[in-house]
Amino acid sequence: MKTKYYAVALILGSSLFNPAFAATNTQAVNNAKATTSVASVLQSNAAQDDQDVVLTGYIVDSLGDEMYTFKDSTGVISVEIDDEDMAAIEIDPTTEVTLVGEIDVEPTATTIAVDNVLLAK
């Protein structure tokens, strides 16, 4: 019985080192959207919903309920950031940040669902 479990563990474990598995994960990282602008996000359509995005600019206002106003040199957009993510970083409207998240296209507005807030370099 133990032999069966060891065989399954060996097969599953060795598949992690398979070049095809590594290529798939590398491809997922390489498909991440490069840094873009608010203007290009606002031109998004429903086909781009949930597409990865990276924005650099400023969080200029809190709208309440985890919503903020984000501004870069091309425009302004509402972004949703979890309270615990905002508590982890100290910023003000003059602090340049990089937001990593996904485009959220709704019938009434396009926003960004933010996964990470980083200080811009």
PDB file of N, CA and C in Angstrom:
ATOM      1  N   MET A   1       0.819  -1.193   0.000  1.00  0.00           N
ATOM      2  CA  MET A   1       0.000   0.000   0.000  1.00  0.00           C
ATOM      3  C   MET A   1       0.865   1.259   0.000  1.00  0.00           C
ATOM      4  N   LYS A   2       1.937   1.246   0.820  1.00  0.00           N
ATOM      5  CA  LYS A   2       2.833   2.396   0.864  1.00  0.00           C
ATOM      6  C   LYS A   2       3.530   2.589  -0.474  1.00  0.00           C
ATOM      7  N   THR A   3       3.807   1.495  -1.151  1.00  0.00           N
ATOM      8  CA  THR A   3       4.472   1.566  -2.444  1.00  0.00           C
ATOM      9  C   THR A   3       3.625   2.355  -3.435  1.00  0.00           C
ATOM     10  N   LYS A   4       2.318   2.161  -3.384  1.00  0.00           N
ATOM     11  CA  LYS A   4       1.410   2.871  -4.282  1.00  0.00           C
ATOM     12  C   LYS A   4       1.489   4.381  -4.021  1.00  0.00           C
ATOM     13  N   TYR A   5       1.501   4.783  -2.744  1.00  0.00           N
ATOM     14  CA  TYR A   5       1.583   6.199  -2.398  1.00  0.00           C
ATOM     15  C   TYR A   5       2.918   6.797  -2.832  1.00  0.00           C
ATOM     16  N   TYR A   6       3.989   6.051  -2.651  1.00  0.00           N
ATOM     17  CA  TYR A   6       5.308   6.530  -3.066  1.00  0.00           C
ATOM     18  C   TYR A   6       5.369   6.700  -4.582  1.00  0.00           C
ATOM     19  N   ALA A   7       4.754   5.781  -5.306  1.00  0.00           N
ATOM     20  CA  ALA A   7       4.748   5.861  -6.766  1.00  0.00           C
ATOM     21  C   ALA A   7       3.989   7.109  -7.229  1.00  0.00           C
ATOM     22  N   VAL A   8       2.839   7.366  -6.619  1.00  0.00           N
ATOM     23  CA  VAL A   8       2.055   8.554  -6.972  1.00  0.00           C
ATOM     24  C   VAL A   8       2.840   9.817  -6.637  1.00  0.00           C
ATOM     25  N   ALA A   9       3.466   9.851  -5.461  1.00  0.00           N
ATOM     26  CA  ALA A   9       4.261  11.015  -5.059  1.00  0.00           C
ATOM     27  C   ALA A   9       5.429  11.233  -6.009  1.00  0.00           C
ATOM     28  N   LEU A  10       6.066  10.158  -6.432  1.00  0.00           N
ATOM     29  CA  LEU A  10       7.192  10.257  -7.353  1.00  0.00           C
ATOM     30  C   LEU A  10       6.750  10.813  -8.705  1.00  0.00           C
ATOM     31  N   ILE A  11       5.632  10.329  -9.207  1.00  0.00           N
ATOM     32  CA  ILE A  11       5.123  10.796 -10.499  1.00  0.00           C
ATOM     33  C   ILE A  11       4.745  12.272 -10.423  1.00  0.00           C
ATOM     34  N   LEU A  12       4.015  12.652  -9.375  1.00  0.00           N
ATOM     35  CA  LEU A  12       3.610  14.047  -9.233  1.00  0.00           C
ATOM     36  C   LEU A  12       4.813  14.951  -9.014  1.00  0.00           C
ATOM     37  N   GLY A  13       5.730  14.517  -8.188  1.00  0.00           N
ATOM     38  CA  GLY A  13       6.923  15.314  -7.906  1.00  0.00           C
ATOM     39  C   GLY A  13       7.786  15.510  -9.126  1.00  0.00           C
ATOM     40  N   SER A  14       7.980  14.463  -9.913  1.00  0.00           N
ATOM     41  CA  SER A  14       8.833  14.584 -11.096  1.00  0.00           C
ATOM     42  C   SER A  14       8.182  15.438 -12.173  1.00  0.00           C
ATOM     43  N   SER A  15       6.858  15.527 -12.181  1.00  0.00           N
ATOM     44  CA  SER A  15       6.191  16.355 -13.188  1.00  0.00           C
ATOM     45  C   SER A  15       6.469  17.836 -12.958  1.00  0.00           C
ATOM     46  N   LEU A  16       6.807  18.214 -11.729  1.00  0.00           N
ATOM     47  CA  LEU A  16       7.129  19.605 -11.449  1.00  0.00           C
ATOM     48  C   LEU A  16       8.432  20.029 -12.113  1.00  0.00           C
ATOM     49  N   PHE A  17       9.303  19.068 -12.374  1.00  0.00           N
ATOM     50  CA  PHE A  17      10.581  19.369 -13.000  1.00  0.00           C
ATOM     51  C   PHE A  17      10.546  19.173 -14.518  1.00  0.00           C
ATOM     52  N   ASN A  18       9.401  18.887 -15.035  1.00  0.00           N
ATOM     53  CA  ASN A  18       9.211  18.694 -16.462  1.00  0.00           C
ATOM     54  C   ASN A  18       9.393  20.033 -17.183  1.00  0.00           C
ATOM     55  N   PRO A  19      10.182  20.093 -18.259  1.00  0.00           N
ATOM     56  CA  PRO A  19      10.380  21.351 -18.991  1.00  0.00           C
ATOM     57  C   PRO A  19       9.077  21.964 -19.503  1.00  0.00           C
ATOM     58  N   ALA A  20       8.110  21.148 -19.856  1.00  0.00           N
ATOM     59  CA  ALA A  20       6.829  21.679 -20.330  1.00  0.00           C
ATOM     60  C   ALA A  20       6.115  22.425 -19.211  1.00  0.00           C
ATOM     61  N   PHE A  21       6.198  21.905 -17.984  1.00  0.00           N
ATOM     62  CA  PHE A  21       5.593  22.572 -16.830  1.00  0.00           C
ATOM     63  C   PHE A  21       6.286  23.908 -16.595  1.00  0.00           C
ATOM     64  N   ALA A  22       7.602  23.926 -16.646  1.00  0.00           N
ATOM     65  CA  ALA A  22       8.361  25.159 -16.436  1.00  0.00           C
ATOM     66  C   ALA A  22       8.043  26.182 -17.519  1.00  0.00           C
ATOM     67  N   ALA A  23       7.918  25.734 -18.759  1.00  0.00           N
ATOM     68  CA  ALA A  23       7.609  26.645 -19.859  1.00  0.00           C
ATOM     69  C   ALA A  23       6.241  27.278 -19.679  1.00  0.00           C
ATOM     70  N   THR A  24       5.273  26.516 -19.211  1.00  0.00           N
ATOM     71  CA  THR A  24       3.934  27.044 -18.980  1.00  0.00           C
ATOM     72  C   THR A  24       3.970  28.146 -17.942  1.00  0.00           C
ATOM     73  N   ASN A  25       4.677  27.930 -16.831  1.00  0.00           N
ATOM     74  CA  ASN A  25       4.740  28.941 -15.785  1.00  0.00           C
ATOM     75  C   ASN A  25       5.506  30.169 -16.241  1.00  0.00           C
ATOM     76  N   THR A  26       6.569  29.999 -17.002  1.00  0.00           N
ATOM     77  CA  THR A  26       7.321  31.131 -17.530  1.00  0.00           C
ATOM     78  C   THR A  26       6.453  31.925 -18.490  1.00  0.00           C
ATOM     79  N   GLN A  27       5.679  31.231 -19.295  1.00  0.00           N
ATOM     80  CA  GLN A  27       4.801  31.898 -20.245  1.00  0.00           C
ATOM     81  C   GLN A  27       3.771  32.743 -19.506  1.00  0.00           C
ATOM     82  N   ALA A  28       3.224  32.246 -18.409  1.00  0.00           N
ATOM     83  CA  ALA A  28       2.239  33.003 -17.638  1.00  0.00           C
ATOM     84  C   ALA A  28       2.848  34.296 -17.114  1.00  0.00           C
ATOM     85  N   VAL A  29       4.079  34.237 -16.638  1.00  0.00           N
ATOM     86  CA  VAL A  29       4.755  35.438 -16.152  1.00  0.00           C
ATOM     87  C   VAL A  29       5.015  36.389 -17.307  1.00  0.00           C
ATOM     88  N   ASN A  30       5.461  35.877 -18.432  1.00  0.00           N
ATOM     89  CA  ASN A  30       5.762  36.720 -19.584  1.00  0.00           C
ATOM     90  C   ASN A  30       4.516  37.343 -20.197  1.00  0.00           C
ATOM     91  N   ASN A  31       3.338  36.757 -19.975  1.00  0.00           N
ATOM     92  CA  ASN A  31       2.101  37.304 -20.515  1.00  0.00           C
ATOM     93  C   ASN A  31       1.554  38.445 -19.674  1.00  0.00           C
ATOM     94  N   ALA A  32       2.154  38.712 -18.519  1.00  0.00           N
ATOM     95  CA  ALA A  32       1.696  39.807 -17.676  1.00  0.00           C
ATOM     96  C   ALA A  32       1.828  41.115 -18.451  1.00  0.00           C
ATOM     97  N   LYS A  33       0.833  41.943 -18.318  1.00  0.00           N
ATOM     98  CA  LYS A  33       0.796  43.208 -19.046  1.00  0.00           C
ATOM     99  C   LYS A  33       1.916  44.118 -18.565  1.00  0.00           C
ATOM    100  N   ALA A  34       2.608  44.738 -19.499  1.00  0.00           N
ATOM    101  CA  ALA A  34       3.661  45.689 -19.164  1.00  0.00           C
ATOM    102  C   ALA A  34       3.029  46.961 -18.601  1.00  0.00           C
ATOM    103  N   THR A  35       3.857  47.798 -18.004  1.00  0.00           N
ATOM    104  CA  THR A  35       3.368  49.061 -17.467  1.00  0.00           C
ATOM    105  C   THR A  35       2.608  49.810 -18.553  1.00  0.00           C
ATOM    106  N   THR A  36       1.455  50.327 -18.189  1.00  0.00           N
ATOM    107  CA  THR A  36       0.599  51.019 -19.142  1.00  0.00           C
ATOM    108  C   THR A  36       0.116  52.319 -18.520  1.00  0.00           C
ATOM    109  N   SER A  37      -0.785  53.001 -19.182  1.00  0.00           N
ATOM    110  CA  SER A  37      -1.282  54.289 -18.702  1.00  0.00           C
ATOM    111  C   SER A  37      -2.772  54.214 -18.397  1.00  0.00           C
ATOM    112  N   VAL A  38      -3.242  55.195 -17.619  1.00  0.00           N
ATOM    113  CA  VAL A  38      -4.666  55.279 -17.313  1.00  0.00           C
ATOM    114  C   VAL A  38      -5.459  55.451 -18.605  1.00  0.00           C
ATOM    115  N   ALA A  39      -4.963  56.268 -19.509  1.00  0.00           N
ATOM    116  CA  ALA A  39      -5.680  56.505 -20.772  1.00  0.00           C
ATOM    117  C   ALA A  39      -5.913  55.211 -21.539  1.00  0.00           C
ATOM    118  N   SER A  40      -4.907  54.347 -21.610  1.00  0.00           N
ATOM    119  CA  SER A  40      -5.087  53.091 -22.347  1.00  0.00           C
ATOM    120  C   SER A  40      -6.046  52.156 -21.620  1.00  0.00           C
ATOM    121  N   VAL A  41      -6.043  52.184 -20.291  1.00  0.00           N
ATOM    122  CA  VAL A  41      -6.984  51.357 -19.529  1.00  0.00           C
ATOM    123  C   VAL A  41      -8.413  51.832 -19.770  1.00  0.00           C
ATOM    124  N   LEU A  42      -8.626  53.141 -19.783  1.00  0.00           N
ATOM    125  CA  LEU A  42      -9.974  53.676 -19.984  1.00  0.00           C
ATOM    126  C   LEU A  42     -10.521  53.373 -21.370  1.00  0.00           C
ATOM    127  N   GLN A  43      -9.657  53.047 -22.313  1.00  0.00           N
ATOM    128  CA  GLN A  43     -10.097  52.660 -23.655  1.00  0.00           C
ATOM    129  C   GLN A  43     -10.393  51.163 -23.743  1.00  0.00           C
ATOM    130  N   SER A  44     -10.256  50.456 -22.631  1.00  0.00           N
ATOM    131  CA  SER A  44     -10.467  49.003 -22.616  1.00  0.00           C
ATOM    132  C   SER A  44     -11.907  48.664 -22.955  1.00  0.00           C
ATOM    133  N   ASN A  45     -12.081  47.478 -23.531  1.00  0.00           N
ATOM    134  CA  ASN A  45     -13.421  46.983 -23.804  1.00  0.00           C
ATOM    135  C   ASN A  45     -13.645  45.699 -23.006  1.00  0.00           C
ATOM    136  N   ALA A  46     -14.819  45.139 -23.120  1.00  0.00           N
ATOM    137  CA  ALA A  46     -15.177  43.951 -22.336  1.00  0.00           C
ATOM    138  C   ALA A  46     -14.211  42.795 -22.554  1.00  0.00           C
ATOM    139  N   ALA A  47     -13.604  42.707 -23.725  1.00  0.00           N
ATOM    140  CA  ALA A  47     -12.662  41.617 -24.003  1.00  0.00           C
ATOM    141  C   ALA A  47     -11.405  41.731 -23.145  1.00  0.00           C
ATOM    142  N   GLN A  48     -11.117  42.920 -22.636  1.00  0.00           N
ATOM    143  CA  GLN A  48      -9.929  43.127 -21.813  1.00  0.00           C
ATOM    144  C   GLN A  48     -10.230  43.036 -20.319  1.00  0.00           C
ATOM    145  N   ASP A  49     -11.460  42.710 -19.957  1.00  0.00           N
ATOM    146  CA  ASP A  49     -11.823  42.548 -18.556  1.00  0.00           C
ATOM    147  C   ASP A  49     -10.928  41.489 -17.920  1.00  0.00           C
ATOM    148  N   ASP A  50     -10.445  41.757 -16.738  1.00  0.00           N
ATOM    149  CA  ASP A  50      -9.563  40.874 -15.961  1.00  0.00           C
ATOM    150  C   ASP A  50      -8.147  40.780 -16.525  1.00  0.00           C
ATOM    151  N   GLN A  51      -7.790  41.615 -17.479  1.00  0.00           N
ATOM    152  CA  GLN A  51      -6.426  41.613 -18.018  1.00  0.00           C
ATOM    153  C   GLN A  51      -5.484  42.249 -16.992  1.00  0.00           C
ATOM    154  N   ASP A  52      -4.303  41.658 -16.829  1.00  0.00           N
ATOM    155  CA  ASP A  52      -3.305  42.186 -15.903  1.00  0.00           C
ATOM    156  C   ASP A  52      -2.836  43.554 -16.363  1.00  0.00           C
ATOM    157  N   VAL A  53      -2.556  44.421 -15.375  1.00  0.00           N
ATOM    158  CA  VAL A  53      -2.113  45.774 -15.684  1.00  0.00           C
ATOM    159  C   VAL A  53      -1.174  46.263 -14.587  1.00  0.00           C
ATOM    160  N   VAL A  54      -0.226  47.112 -14.964  1.00  0.00           N
ATOM    161  CA  VAL A  54       0.683  47.761 -14.025  1.00  0.00           C
ATOM    162  C   VAL A  54       0.634  49.257 -14.316  1.00  0.00           C
ATOM    163  N   LEU A  55       0.300  50.058 -13.302  1.00  0.00           N
ATOM    164  CA  LEU A  55       0.207  51.508 -13.459  1.00  0.00           C
ATOM    165  C   LEU A  55       1.139  52.193 -12.468  1.00  0.00           C
ATOM    166  N   THR A  56       1.767  53.277 -12.882  1.00  0.00           N
ATOM    167  CA  THR A  56       2.600  54.071 -11.983  1.00  0.00           C
ATOM    168  C   THR A  56       2.072  55.497 -11.973  1.00  0.00           C
ATOM    169  N   GLY A  57       1.852  56.013 -10.762  1.00  0.00           N
ATOM    170  CA  GLY A  57       1.315  57.357 -10.606  1.00  0.00           C
ATOM    171  C   GLY A  57       1.056  57.644  -9.141  1.00  0.00           C
ATOM    172  N   TYR A  58      -0.077  58.302  -8.864  1.00  0.00           N
ATOM    173  CA  TYR A  58      -0.350  58.792  -7.515  1.00  0.00           C
ATOM    174  C   TYR A  58      -1.776  58.463  -7.079  1.00  0.00           C
ATOM    175  N   ILE A  59      -1.929  58.037  -5.839  1.00  0.00           N
ATOM    176  CA  ILE A  59      -3.252  57.877  -5.240  1.00  0.00           C
ATOM    177  C   ILE A  59      -3.561  59.230  -4.610  1.00  0.00           C
ATOM    178  N   VAL A  60      -4.527  59.952  -5.189  1.00  0.00           N
ATOM    179  CA  VAL A  60      -4.753  61.336  -4.799  1.00  0.00           C
ATOM    180  C   VAL A  60      -5.947  61.543  -3.878  1.00  0.00           C
ATOM    181  N   ASP A  61      -6.813  60.526  -3.750  1.00  0.00           N
ATOM    182  CA  ASP A  61      -7.998  60.710  -2.913  1.00  0.00           C
ATOM    183  C   ASP A  61      -8.567  59.363  -2.493  1.00  0.00           C
ATOM    184  N   SER A  62      -9.150  59.331  -1.310  1.00  0.00           N
ATOM    185  CA  SER A  62      -9.879  58.154  -0.835  1.00  0.00           C
ATOM    186  C   SER A  62     -11.361  58.404  -1.054  1.00  0.00           C
ATOM    187  N   LEU A  63     -12.025  57.480  -1.728  1.00  0.00           N
ATOM    188  CA  LEU A  63     -13.453  57.603  -2.007  1.00  0.00           C
ATOM    189  C   LEU A  63     -14.302  56.841  -1.001  1.00  0.00           C
ATOM    190  N   GLY A  64     -13.644  56.111  -0.089  1.00  0.00           N
ATOM    191  CA  GLY A  64     -14.352  55.293   0.889  1.00  0.00           C
ATOM    192  C   GLY A  64     -14.614  53.902   0.361  1.00  0.00           C
ATOM    193  N   ASP A  65     -14.889  52.981   1.268  1.00  0.00           N
ATOM    194  CA  ASP A  65     -15.213  51.593   0.927  1.00  0.00           C
ATOM    195  C   ASP A  65     -14.158  50.960   0.010  1.00  0.00           C
ATOM    196  N   GLU A  66     -12.873  51.160   0.361  1.00  0.00           N
ATOM    197  CA  GLU A  66     -11.735  50.576  -0.358  1.00  0.00           C
ATOM    198  C   GLU A  66     -11.560  51.108  -1.780  1.00  0.00           C
ATOM    199  N   MET A  67     -12.186  52.218  -2.114  1.00  0.00           N
ATOM    200  CA  MET A  67     -12.044  52.826  -3.442  1.00  0.00           C
ATOM    201  C   MET A  67     -11.207  54.099  -3.324  1.00  0.00           C
ATOM    202  N   TYR A  68     -10.318  54.298  -4.312  1.00  0.00           N
ATOM    203  CA  TYR A  68      -9.410  55.441  -4.327  1.00  0.00           C
ATOM    204  C   TYR A  68      -9.355  56.027  -5.729  1.00  0.00           C
ATOM    205  N   THR A  69      -8.950  57.295  -5.804  1.00  0.00           N
ATOM    206  CA  THR A  69      -8.710  57.934  -7.090  1.00  0.00           C
ATOM    207  C   THR A  69      -7.222  57.860  -7.380  1.00  0.00           C
ATOM    208  N   PHE A  70      -6.883  57.301  -8.538  1.00  0.00           N
ATOM    209  CA  PHE A  70      -5.494  57.158  -8.975  1.00  0.00           C
ATOM    210  C   PHE A  70      -5.282  58.051 -10.186  1.00  0.00           C
ATOM    211  N   LYS A  71      -4.127  58.731 -10.225  1.00  0.00           N
ATOM    212  CA  LYS A  71      -3.837  59.666 -11.316  1.00  0.00           C
ATOM    213  C   LYS A  71      -2.434  59.427 -11.850  1.00  0.00           C
ATOM    214  N   ASP A  72      -2.317  59.426 -13.179  1.00  0.00           N
ATOM    215  CA  ASP A  72      -0.994  59.457 -13.806  1.00  0.00           C
ATOM    216  C   ASP A  72      -0.993  60.621 -14.796  1.00  0.00           C
ATOM    217  N   SER A  73       0.020  60.727 -15.611  1.00  0.00           N
ATOM    218  CA  SER A  73       0.129  61.869 -16.527  1.00  0.00           C
ATOM    219  C   SER A  73      -0.913  61.852 -17.640  1.00  0.00           C
ATOM    220  N   THR A  74      -1.640  60.727 -17.792  1.00  0.00           N
ATOM    221  CA  THR A  74      -2.605  60.613 -18.893  1.00  0.00           C
ATOM    222  C   THR A  74      -4.061  60.670 -18.459  1.00  0.00           C
ATOM    223  N   GLY A  75      -4.332  60.592 -17.147  1.00  0.00           N
ATOM    224  CA  GLY A  75      -5.717  60.613 -16.716  1.00  0.00           C
ATOM    225  C   GLY A  75      -5.926  60.151 -15.291  1.00  0.00           C
ATOM    226  N   VAL A  76      -7.205  59.964 -14.968  1.00  0.00           N
ATOM    227  CA  VAL A  76      -7.633  59.602 -13.616  1.00  0.00           C
ATOM    228  C   VAL A  76      -8.563  58.401 -13.709  1.00  0.00           C
ATOM    229  N   ILE A  77      -8.438  57.473 -12.750  1.00  0.00           N
ATOM    230  CA  ILE A  77      -9.290  56.284 -12.724  1.00  0.00           C
ATOM    231  C   ILE A  77      -9.527  55.874 -11.270  1.00  0.00           C
ATOM    232  N   SER A  78     -10.652  55.244 -11.011  1.00  0.00           N
ATOM    233  CA  SER A  78     -10.931  54.696  -9.680  1.00  0.00           C
ATOM    234  C   SER A  78     -10.282  53.330  -9.558  1.00  0.00           C
ATOM    235  N   VAL A  79      -9.694  53.081  -8.388  1.00  0.00           N
ATOM    236  CA  VAL A  79      -9.047  51.798  -8.126  1.00  0.00           C
ATOM    237  C   VAL A  79      -9.574  51.242  -6.812  1.00  0.00           C
ATOM    238  N   GLU A  80      -9.670  49.916  -6.741  1.00  0.00           N
ATOM    239  CA  GLU A  80     -10.110  49.247  -5.516  1.00  0.00           C
ATOM    240  C   GLU A  80      -8.901  48.580  -4.870  1.00  0.00           C
ATOM    241  N   ILE A  81      -8.617  48.987  -3.623  1.00  0.00           N
ATOM    242  CA  ILE A  81      -7.471  48.456  -2.897  1.00  0.00           C
ATOM    243  C   ILE A  81      -7.954  47.986  -1.530  1.00  0.00           C
ATOM    244  N   ASP A  82      -7.667  46.738  -1.183  1.00  0.00           N
ATOM    245  CA  ASP A  82      -8.052  46.209   0.123  1.00  0.00           C
ATOM    246  C   ASP A  82      -7.428  47.044   1.233  1.00  0.00           C
ATOM    247  N   ASP A  83      -8.189  47.242   2.318  1.00  0.00           N
ATOM    248  CA  ASP A  83      -7.707  48.041   3.446  1.00  0.00           C
ATOM    249  C   ASP A  83      -6.370  47.548   3.975  1.00  0.00           C
ATOM    250  N   GLU A  84      -6.193  46.220   4.068  1.00  0.00           N
ATOM    251  CA  GLU A  84      -4.939  45.692   4.612  1.00  0.00           C
ATOM    252  C   GLU A  84      -3.751  45.990   3.694  1.00  0.00           C
ATOM    253  N   ASP A  85      -3.980  46.115   2.391  1.00  0.00           N
ATOM    254  CA  ASP A  85      -2.901  46.486   1.471  1.00  0.00           C
ATOM    255  C   ASP A  85      -2.514  47.952   1.646  1.00  0.00           C
ATOM    256  N   MET A  86      -3.502  48.804   1.897  1.00  0.00           N
ATOM    257  CA  MET A  86      -3.207  50.223   2.112  1.00  0.00           C
ATOM    258  C   MET A  86      -2.551  50.447   3.472  1.00  0.00           C
ATOM    259  N   ALA A  87      -2.909  49.651   4.463  1.00  0.00           N
ATOM    260  CA  ALA A  87      -2.317  49.801   5.794  1.00  0.00           C
ATOM    261  C   ALA A  87      -0.848  49.391   5.800  1.00  0.00           C
ATOM    262  N   ALA A  88      -0.455  48.576   4.844  1.00  0.00           N
ATOM    263  CA  ALA A  88       0.914  48.057   4.801  1.00  0.00           C
ATOM    264  C   ALA A  88       1.907  49.067   4.229  1.00  0.00           C
ATOM    265  N   ILE A  89       1.426  50.174   3.680  1.00  0.00           N
ATOM    266  CA  ILE A  89       2.306  51.147   3.036  1.00  0.00           C
ATOM    267  C   ILE A  89       1.862  52.556   3.419  1.00  0.00           C
ATOM    268  N   GLU A  90       2.818  53.414   3.725  1.00  0.00           N
ATOM    269  CA  GLU A  90       2.500  54.788   4.106  1.00  0.00           C
ATOM    270  C   GLU A  90       2.709  55.703   2.905  1.00  0.00           C
ATOM    271  N   ILE A  91       1.612  56.293   2.431  1.00  0.00           N
ATOM    272  CA  ILE A  91       1.687  57.157   1.257  1.00  0.00           C
ATOM    273  C   ILE A  91       0.843  58.398   1.472  1.00  0.00           C
ATOM    274  N   ASP A  92       1.096  59.414   0.645  1.00  0.00           N
ATOM    275  CA  ASP A  92       0.260  60.606   0.571  1.00  0.00           C
ATOM    276  C   ASP A  92       0.110  60.954  -0.915  1.00  0.00           C
ATOM    277  N   PRO A  93      -0.652  61.999  -1.252  1.00  0.00           N
ATOM    278  CA  PRO A  93      -0.882  62.299  -2.676  1.00  0.00           C
ATOM    279  C   PRO A  93       0.374  62.643  -3.481  1.00  0.00           C
ATOM    280  N   THR A  94       1.511  62.872  -2.810  1.00  0.00           N
ATOM    281  CA  THR A  94       2.750  63.178  -3.531  1.00  0.00           C
ATOM    282  C   THR A  94       3.671  61.969  -3.647  1.00  0.00           C
ATOM    283  N   THR A  95       3.254  60.834  -3.093  1.00  0.00           N
ATOM    284  CA  THR A  95       4.061  59.609  -3.129  1.00  0.00           C
ATOM    285  C   THR A  95       3.767  58.848  -4.417  1.00  0.00           C
ATOM    286  N   GLU A  96       4.799  58.640  -5.235  1.00  0.00           N
ATOM    287  CA  GLU A  96       4.605  57.883  -6.476  1.00  0.00           C
ATOM    288  C   GLU A  96       4.557  56.391  -6.157  1.00  0.00           C
ATOM    289  N   VAL A  97       3.512  55.730  -6.648  1.00  0.00           N
ATOM    290  CA  VAL A  97       3.323  54.302  -6.388  1.00  0.00           C
ATOM    291  C   VAL A  97       3.150  53.544  -7.701  1.00  0.00           C
ATOM    292  N   THR A  98       3.377  52.248  -7.624  1.00  0.00           N
ATOM    293  CA  THR A  98       3.092  51.345  -8.734  1.00  0.00           C
ATOM    294  C   THR A  98       1.996  50.397  -8.279  1.00  0.00           C
ATOM    295  N   LEU A  99       0.930  50.323  -9.054  1.00  0.00           N
ATOM    296  CA  LEU A  99      -0.191  49.437  -8.753  1.00  0.00           C
ATOM    297  C   LEU A  99      -0.152  48.251  -9.711  1.00  0.00           C
ATOM    298  N   VAL A 100      -0.306  47.061  -9.162  1.00  0.00           N
ATOM    299  CA  VAL A 100      -0.366  45.838  -9.956  1.00  0.00           C
ATOM    300  C   VAL A 100      -1.748  45.243  -9.730  1.00  0.00           C
ATOM    301  N   GLY A 101      -2.482  45.003 -10.800  1.00  0.00           N
ATOM    302  CA  GLY A 101      -3.833  44.475 -10.642  1.00  0.00           C
ATOM    303  C   GLY A 101      -4.435  44.047 -11.961  1.00  0.00           C
ATOM    304  N   GLU A 102      -5.777  44.081 -12.004  1.00  0.00           N
ATOM    305  CA  GLU A 102      -6.510  43.677 -13.201  1.00  0.00           C
ATOM    306  C   GLU A 102      -7.513  44.755 -13.573  1.00  0.00           C
ATOM    307  N   ILE A 103      -7.745  44.885 -14.874  1.00  0.00           N
ATOM    308  CA  ILE A 103      -8.770  45.790 -15.380  1.00  0.00           C
ATOM    309  C   ILE A 103     -10.132  45.189 -15.060  1.00  0.00           C
ATOM    310  N   ASP A 104     -11.037  46.024 -14.562  1.00  0.00           N
ATOM    311  CA  ASP A 104     -12.397  45.586 -14.247  1.00  0.00           C
ATOM    312  C   ASP A 104     -13.358  46.435 -15.082  1.00  0.00           C
ATOM    313  N   VAL A 105     -13.846  45.862 -16.179  1.00  0.00           N
ATOM    314  CA  VAL A 105     -14.740  46.577 -17.085  1.00  0.00           C
ATOM    315  C   VAL A 105     -16.179  46.260 -16.699  1.00  0.00           C
ATOM    316  N   GLU A 106     -16.917  47.292 -16.298  1.00  0.00           N
ATOM    317  CA  GLU A 106     -18.335  47.174 -15.951  1.00  0.00           C
ATOM    318  C   GLU A 106     -19.129  48.057 -16.914  1.00  0.00           C
ATOM    319  N   PRO A 107     -20.437  47.844 -17.015  1.00  0.00           N
ATOM    320  CA  PRO A 107     -21.237  48.679 -17.927  1.00  0.00           C
ATOM    321  C   PRO A 107     -21.181  50.171 -17.593  1.00  0.00           C
ATOM    322  N   THR A 108     -21.023  50.505 -16.307  1.00  0.00           N
ATOM    323  CA  THR A 108     -21.048  51.911 -15.910  1.00  0.00           C
ATOM    324  C   THR A 108     -19.668  52.544 -15.770  1.00  0.00           C
ATOM    325  N   ALA A 109     -18.624  51.748 -15.576  1.00  0.00           N
ATOM    326  CA  ALA A 109     -17.284  52.315 -15.366  1.00  0.00           C
ATOM    327  C   ALA A 109     -16.212  51.244 -15.537  1.00  0.00           C
ATOM    328  N   THR A 110     -15.011  51.700 -15.826  1.00  0.00           N
ATOM    329  CA  THR A 110     -13.838  50.828 -15.848  1.00  0.00           C
ATOM    330  C   THR A 110     -12.977  51.202 -14.653  1.00  0.00           C
ATOM    331  N   THR A 111     -12.600  50.203 -13.854  1.00  0.00           N
ATOM    332  CA  THR A 111     -11.779  50.429 -12.670  1.00  0.00           C
ATOM    333  C   THR A 111     -10.625  49.433 -12.673  1.00  0.00           C
ATOM    334  N   ILE A 112      -9.773  49.542 -11.664  1.00  0.00           N
ATOM    335  CA  ILE A 112      -8.675  48.602 -11.480  1.00  0.00           C
ATOM    336  C   ILE A 112      -8.861  47.912 -10.137  1.00  0.00           C
ATOM    337  N   ALA A 113      -8.848  46.587 -10.133  1.00  0.00           N
ATOM    338  CA  ALA A 113      -8.834  45.802  -8.892  1.00  0.00           C
ATOM    339  C   ALA A 113      -7.359  45.561  -8.573  1.00  0.00           C
ATOM    340  N   VAL A 114      -6.861  46.222  -7.537  1.00  0.00           N
ATOM    341  CA  VAL A 114      -5.430  46.224  -7.232  1.00  0.00           C
ATOM    342  C   VAL A 114      -5.063  45.029  -6.356  1.00  0.00           C
ATOM    343  N   ASP A 115      -4.002  44.324  -6.756  1.00  0.00           N
ATOM    344  CA  ASP A 115      -3.466  43.210  -5.974  1.00  0.00           C
ATOM    345  C   ASP A 115      -2.300  43.650  -5.097  1.00  0.00           C
ATOM    346  N   ASN A 116      -1.459  44.559  -5.619  1.00  0.00           N
ATOM    347  CA  ASN A 116      -0.270  45.017  -4.895  1.00  0.00           C
ATOM    348  C   ASN A 116      -0.079  46.510  -5.074  1.00  0.00           C
ATOM    349  N   VAL A 117       0.306  47.173  -3.974  1.00  0.00           N
ATOM    350  CA  VAL A 117       0.680  48.580  -4.000  1.00  0.00           C
ATOM    351  C   VAL A 117       2.150  48.647  -3.617  1.00  0.00           C
ATOM    352  N   LEU A 118       2.974  49.209  -4.505  1.00  0.00           N
ATOM    353  CA  LEU A 118       4.416  49.287  -4.275  1.00  0.00           C
ATOM    354  C   LEU A 118       4.879  50.728  -4.406  1.00  0.00           C
ATOM    355  N   LEU A 119       5.902  51.101  -3.643  1.00  0.00           N
ATOM    356  CA  LEU A 119       6.511  52.409  -3.844  1.00  0.00           C
ATOM    357  C   LEU A 119       7.255  52.380  -5.167  1.00  0.00           C
ATOM    358  N   ALA A 120       7.018  53.392  -6.011  1.00  0.00           N
ATOM    359  CA  ALA A 120       7.698  53.452  -7.310  1.00  0.00           C
ATOM    360  C   ALA A 120       9.158  53.800  -7.091  1.00  0.00           C
ATOM    361  N   LYS A 121       9.995  53.310  -7.982  1.00  0.00           N
ATOM    362  CA  LYS A 121      11.433  53.579  -7.850  1.00  0.00           C
ATOM    363  C   LYS A 121      11.841  54.724  -8.717  1.00  0.00           C
TER     364      LYS A 121
END
